């Protein structure tokens, strides 16, 4: 089974809050929650393991829908702290 967690909109002082948007603290909490329940790996590692047939069923990568500026401004610095990259779709 292959898993991915998709995110869309983020908000802060520069980006408006919208329905379902997350702030940086929400994202940190979500990443911590995912790490406790899954093997959170970078998108590049996920691709490599999938292609080699070594992807475990508990592995999960992150994806960001629409490649929005708020994702780059808010999520990317957070991902760097976790040493992760993600799929931008």
N, C-alpha and C. Protein backbone atom coordinates (compact mmCIF):
# COMPACT_ATOMS: atom_id res chain seq x y z
N UNK A 1 0.85 -1.17 0.00
CA UNK A 1 0.00 0.00 0.00
C UNK A 1 0.90 1.24 0.00
N UNK A 2 0.57 2.21 -0.84
CA UNK A 2 1.35 3.43 -0.94
C UNK A 2 0.58 4.57 -0.32
N UNK A 3 1.27 5.37 0.49
CA UNK A 3 0.63 6.48 1.18
C UNK A 3 1.31 7.80 0.84
N UNK A 4 0.50 8.83 0.84
CA UNK A 4 0.98 10.20 0.72
C UNK A 4 0.03 11.10 1.50
N UNK A 5 0.59 12.11 2.10
CA UNK A 5 -0.25 13.12 2.76
C UNK A 5 -0.17 14.39 1.92
N UNK A 6 -1.33 14.86 1.46
CA UNK A 6 -1.36 16.04 0.60
C UNK A 6 -1.81 17.26 1.39
N UNK A 7 -1.13 18.35 1.16
CA UNK A 7 -1.46 19.62 1.78
C UNK A 7 -1.75 20.64 0.68
N UNK A 8 -2.49 21.67 1.05
CA UNK A 8 -2.83 22.67 0.05
C UNK A 8 -2.48 24.08 0.52
N UNK A 9 -3.30 24.68 1.34
CA UNK A 9 -3.13 26.09 1.65
C UNK A 9 -2.62 26.29 3.08
N UNK A 10 -1.72 27.29 3.23
CA UNK A 10 -1.17 27.66 4.52
C UNK A 10 -1.40 29.15 4.74
N UNK A 11 -1.49 29.55 5.99
CA UNK A 11 -1.70 30.96 6.28
C UNK A 11 -0.73 31.46 7.35
N UNK A 12 -0.45 32.76 7.26
CA UNK A 12 0.33 33.49 8.26
C UNK A 12 0.02 34.97 8.06
N UNK A 13 0.87 35.85 8.54
CA UNK A 13 0.62 37.29 8.39
C UNK A 13 0.60 37.73 6.93
N UNK A 14 1.35 37.04 6.09
CA UNK A 14 1.45 37.40 4.67
C UNK A 14 0.46 36.68 3.77
N UNK A 15 -0.07 35.58 4.25
CA UNK A 15 -0.98 34.76 3.45
C UNK A 15 -2.29 34.60 4.21
N UNK A 16 -3.42 34.92 3.57
CA UNK A 16 -4.70 34.90 4.27
C UNK A 16 -5.16 33.50 4.67
N UNK A 17 -5.90 33.45 5.76
CA UNK A 17 -6.49 32.21 6.21
C UNK A 17 -7.63 31.85 5.26
N UNK A 18 -7.71 30.59 4.93
CA UNK A 18 -8.80 30.09 4.09
C UNK A 18 -9.34 28.82 4.69
N UNK A 19 -10.43 28.35 4.14
CA UNK A 19 -11.04 27.12 4.63
C UNK A 19 -10.03 25.97 4.56
N UNK A 20 -9.76 25.37 5.69
CA UNK A 20 -8.85 24.23 5.75
C UNK A 20 -7.38 24.57 5.74
N UNK A 21 -7.04 25.86 5.76
CA UNK A 21 -5.61 26.23 5.72
C UNK A 21 -4.96 25.95 7.07
N UNK A 22 -3.66 25.72 7.02
CA UNK A 22 -2.87 25.44 8.21
C UNK A 22 -1.86 26.56 8.43
N UNK A 23 -1.52 26.81 9.68
CA UNK A 23 -0.40 27.70 9.95
C UNK A 23 0.83 26.83 10.22
N UNK A 24 1.95 27.48 10.47
CA UNK A 24 3.19 26.73 10.67
C UNK A 24 3.11 25.77 11.86
N UNK A 25 2.48 26.19 12.92
CA UNK A 25 2.32 25.35 14.10
C UNK A 25 1.46 24.12 13.79
N UNK A 26 0.38 24.34 13.03
CA UNK A 26 -0.47 23.21 12.63
C UNK A 26 0.32 22.20 11.82
N UNK A 27 1.15 22.70 10.90
CA UNK A 27 1.96 21.81 10.06
C UNK A 27 2.94 21.02 10.91
N UNK A 28 3.61 21.68 11.83
CA UNK A 28 4.54 20.99 12.73
C UNK A 28 3.83 19.88 13.50
N UNK A 29 2.66 20.20 14.03
CA UNK A 29 1.88 19.20 14.76
C UNK A 29 1.51 18.02 13.86
N UNK A 30 1.11 18.32 12.63
CA UNK A 30 0.72 17.27 11.68
C UNK A 30 1.92 16.40 11.33
N UNK A 31 3.07 17.01 11.10
CA UNK A 31 4.26 16.22 10.77
C UNK A 31 4.67 15.34 11.95
N UNK A 32 4.59 15.86 13.15
CA UNK A 32 4.88 15.05 14.34
C UNK A 32 3.90 13.88 14.45
N UNK A 33 2.63 14.15 14.20
CA UNK A 33 1.60 13.11 14.25
C UNK A 33 1.89 12.03 13.22
N UNK A 34 2.22 12.45 11.99
CA UNK A 34 2.53 11.49 10.93
C UNK A 34 3.76 10.66 11.26
N UNK A 35 4.78 11.29 11.82
CA UNK A 35 6.02 10.58 12.16
C UNK A 35 5.80 9.52 13.23
N UNK A 36 4.84 9.73 14.11
CA UNK A 36 4.55 8.74 15.16
C UNK A 36 3.82 7.52 14.60
N UNK A 37 3.16 7.68 13.48
CA UNK A 37 2.31 6.62 12.94
C UNK A 37 2.82 5.99 11.65
N UNK A 38 3.75 6.66 10.99
CA UNK A 38 4.25 6.20 9.69
C UNK A 38 5.76 6.43 9.61
N UNK A 39 6.33 5.90 8.58
CA UNK A 39 7.74 6.16 8.28
C UNK A 39 7.75 7.33 7.30
N UNK A 40 7.93 8.53 7.80
CA UNK A 40 7.90 9.74 6.99
C UNK A 40 9.23 9.89 6.27
N UNK A 41 9.20 9.81 4.94
CA UNK A 41 10.42 9.89 4.14
C UNK A 41 10.27 10.96 3.07
N UNK A 42 11.39 11.41 2.56
CA UNK A 42 11.37 12.43 1.52
C UNK A 42 10.78 11.86 0.23
N UNK A 43 10.28 12.74 -0.61
CA UNK A 43 9.69 12.32 -1.88
C UNK A 43 10.74 11.63 -2.76
N UNK A 44 11.96 12.14 -2.75
CA UNK A 44 13.00 11.52 -3.57
C UNK A 44 13.33 10.11 -3.08
N UNK A 45 13.36 9.91 -1.78
CA UNK A 45 13.59 8.58 -1.22
C UNK A 45 12.41 7.66 -1.52
N UNK A 46 11.21 8.20 -1.41
CA UNK A 46 9.99 7.44 -1.72
C UNK A 46 10.05 6.92 -3.15
N UNK A 47 10.39 7.79 -4.10
CA UNK A 47 10.47 7.41 -5.51
C UNK A 47 11.52 6.32 -5.72
N UNK A 48 12.71 6.52 -5.12
CA UNK A 48 13.79 5.55 -5.26
C UNK A 48 13.37 4.18 -4.70
N UNK A 49 12.76 4.17 -3.52
CA UNK A 49 12.34 2.90 -2.91
C UNK A 49 11.20 2.24 -3.71
N UNK A 50 10.29 3.05 -4.24
CA UNK A 50 9.20 2.51 -5.05
C UNK A 50 9.77 1.84 -6.30
N UNK A 51 10.67 2.51 -6.98
CA UNK A 51 11.25 1.97 -8.22
C UNK A 51 12.08 0.72 -7.98
N UNK A 52 12.71 0.63 -6.81
CA UNK A 52 13.54 -0.55 -6.52
C UNK A 52 12.75 -1.67 -5.85
N UNK A 53 11.48 -1.41 -5.54
CA UNK A 53 10.65 -2.43 -4.89
C UNK A 53 10.95 -2.59 -3.41
N UNK A 54 11.56 -1.59 -2.79
CA UNK A 54 11.91 -1.69 -1.37
C UNK A 54 11.09 -0.75 -0.49
N UNK A 55 10.00 -0.22 -1.02
CA UNK A 55 9.15 0.69 -0.26
C UNK A 55 8.32 -0.10 0.74
N UNK A 56 8.42 0.26 2.01
CA UNK A 56 7.65 -0.44 3.03
C UNK A 56 6.22 0.10 3.09
N UNK A 57 5.32 -0.70 3.58
CA UNK A 57 3.91 -0.32 3.60
C UNK A 57 3.62 0.82 4.57
N UNK A 58 4.54 1.09 5.50
CA UNK A 58 4.32 2.19 6.44
C UNK A 58 4.99 3.50 6.00
N UNK A 59 5.63 3.49 4.83
CA UNK A 59 6.29 4.70 4.33
C UNK A 59 5.27 5.69 3.81
N UNK A 60 5.53 6.96 4.06
CA UNK A 60 4.64 8.02 3.62
C UNK A 60 5.50 9.22 3.19
N UNK A 61 5.09 9.85 2.09
CA UNK A 61 5.75 11.08 1.66
C UNK A 61 4.71 12.19 1.63
N UNK A 62 5.17 13.39 1.46
CA UNK A 62 4.30 14.55 1.46
C UNK A 62 4.15 15.11 0.06
N UNK A 63 2.97 15.64 -0.23
CA UNK A 63 2.75 16.32 -1.50
C UNK A 63 1.97 17.61 -1.25
N UNK A 64 2.19 18.56 -2.14
CA UNK A 64 1.57 19.87 -2.04
C UNK A 64 0.87 20.17 -3.35
N UNK A 65 -0.42 20.37 -3.28
CA UNK A 65 -1.26 20.59 -4.46
C UNK A 65 -1.15 22.04 -4.93
N UNK A 66 -0.98 22.23 -6.21
CA UNK A 66 -0.99 23.52 -6.91
C UNK A 66 0.28 24.35 -6.77
N UNK A 67 1.27 23.90 -6.04
CA UNK A 67 2.55 24.63 -5.90
C UNK A 67 2.34 26.12 -5.61
N UNK A 68 1.61 26.39 -4.53
CA UNK A 68 1.28 27.76 -4.14
C UNK A 68 2.45 28.45 -3.43
N UNK A 69 2.50 29.76 -3.53
CA UNK A 69 3.55 30.53 -2.86
C UNK A 69 3.50 30.34 -1.35
N UNK A 70 2.31 30.24 -0.77
CA UNK A 70 2.20 30.04 0.67
C UNK A 70 2.85 28.72 1.10
N UNK A 71 2.82 27.73 0.24
CA UNK A 71 3.48 26.46 0.55
C UNK A 71 4.99 26.65 0.63
N UNK A 72 5.52 27.39 -0.33
CA UNK A 72 6.96 27.65 -0.34
C UNK A 72 7.37 28.50 0.86
N UNK A 73 6.60 29.53 1.16
CA UNK A 73 6.94 30.44 2.25
C UNK A 73 6.81 29.81 3.63
N UNK A 74 5.81 28.96 3.82
CA UNK A 74 5.51 28.43 5.15
C UNK A 74 5.95 26.98 5.32
N UNK A 75 5.65 26.14 4.34
CA UNK A 75 5.93 24.70 4.49
C UNK A 75 7.39 24.34 4.24
N UNK A 76 7.99 24.92 3.22
CA UNK A 76 9.36 24.52 2.86
C UNK A 76 10.35 24.72 4.02
N UNK A 77 10.36 25.86 4.70
CA UNK A 77 11.30 25.97 5.83
C UNK A 77 11.05 24.91 6.91
N UNK A 78 9.80 24.55 7.11
CA UNK A 78 9.47 23.52 8.08
C UNK A 78 9.99 22.17 7.61
N UNK A 79 9.82 21.87 6.33
CA UNK A 79 10.32 20.59 5.79
C UNK A 79 11.84 20.51 5.90
N UNK A 80 12.50 21.63 5.70
CA UNK A 80 13.96 21.64 5.80
C UNK A 80 14.41 21.25 7.20
N UNK A 81 13.65 21.64 8.22
CA UNK A 81 13.98 21.25 9.59
C UNK A 81 13.88 19.74 9.78
N UNK A 82 12.98 19.12 9.04
CA UNK A 82 12.80 17.66 9.11
C UNK A 82 13.68 16.93 8.10
N UNK A 83 14.47 17.68 7.32
CA UNK A 83 15.31 17.12 6.27
C UNK A 83 14.47 16.34 5.26
N UNK A 84 13.35 16.94 4.85
CA UNK A 84 12.43 16.31 3.90
C UNK A 84 12.28 17.18 2.66
N UNK A 85 11.95 16.53 1.56
CA UNK A 85 11.45 17.24 0.38
C UNK A 85 10.10 16.63 0.06
N UNK A 86 9.38 17.22 -0.86
CA UNK A 86 8.02 16.77 -1.13
C UNK A 86 7.71 16.88 -2.62
N UNK A 87 6.59 16.31 -3.00
CA UNK A 87 6.10 16.40 -4.38
C UNK A 87 5.25 17.66 -4.49
N UNK A 88 5.54 18.47 -5.48
CA UNK A 88 4.69 19.63 -5.79
C UNK A 88 3.88 19.26 -7.02
N UNK A 89 2.58 19.20 -6.84
CA UNK A 89 1.71 18.77 -7.96
C UNK A 89 0.86 19.90 -8.46
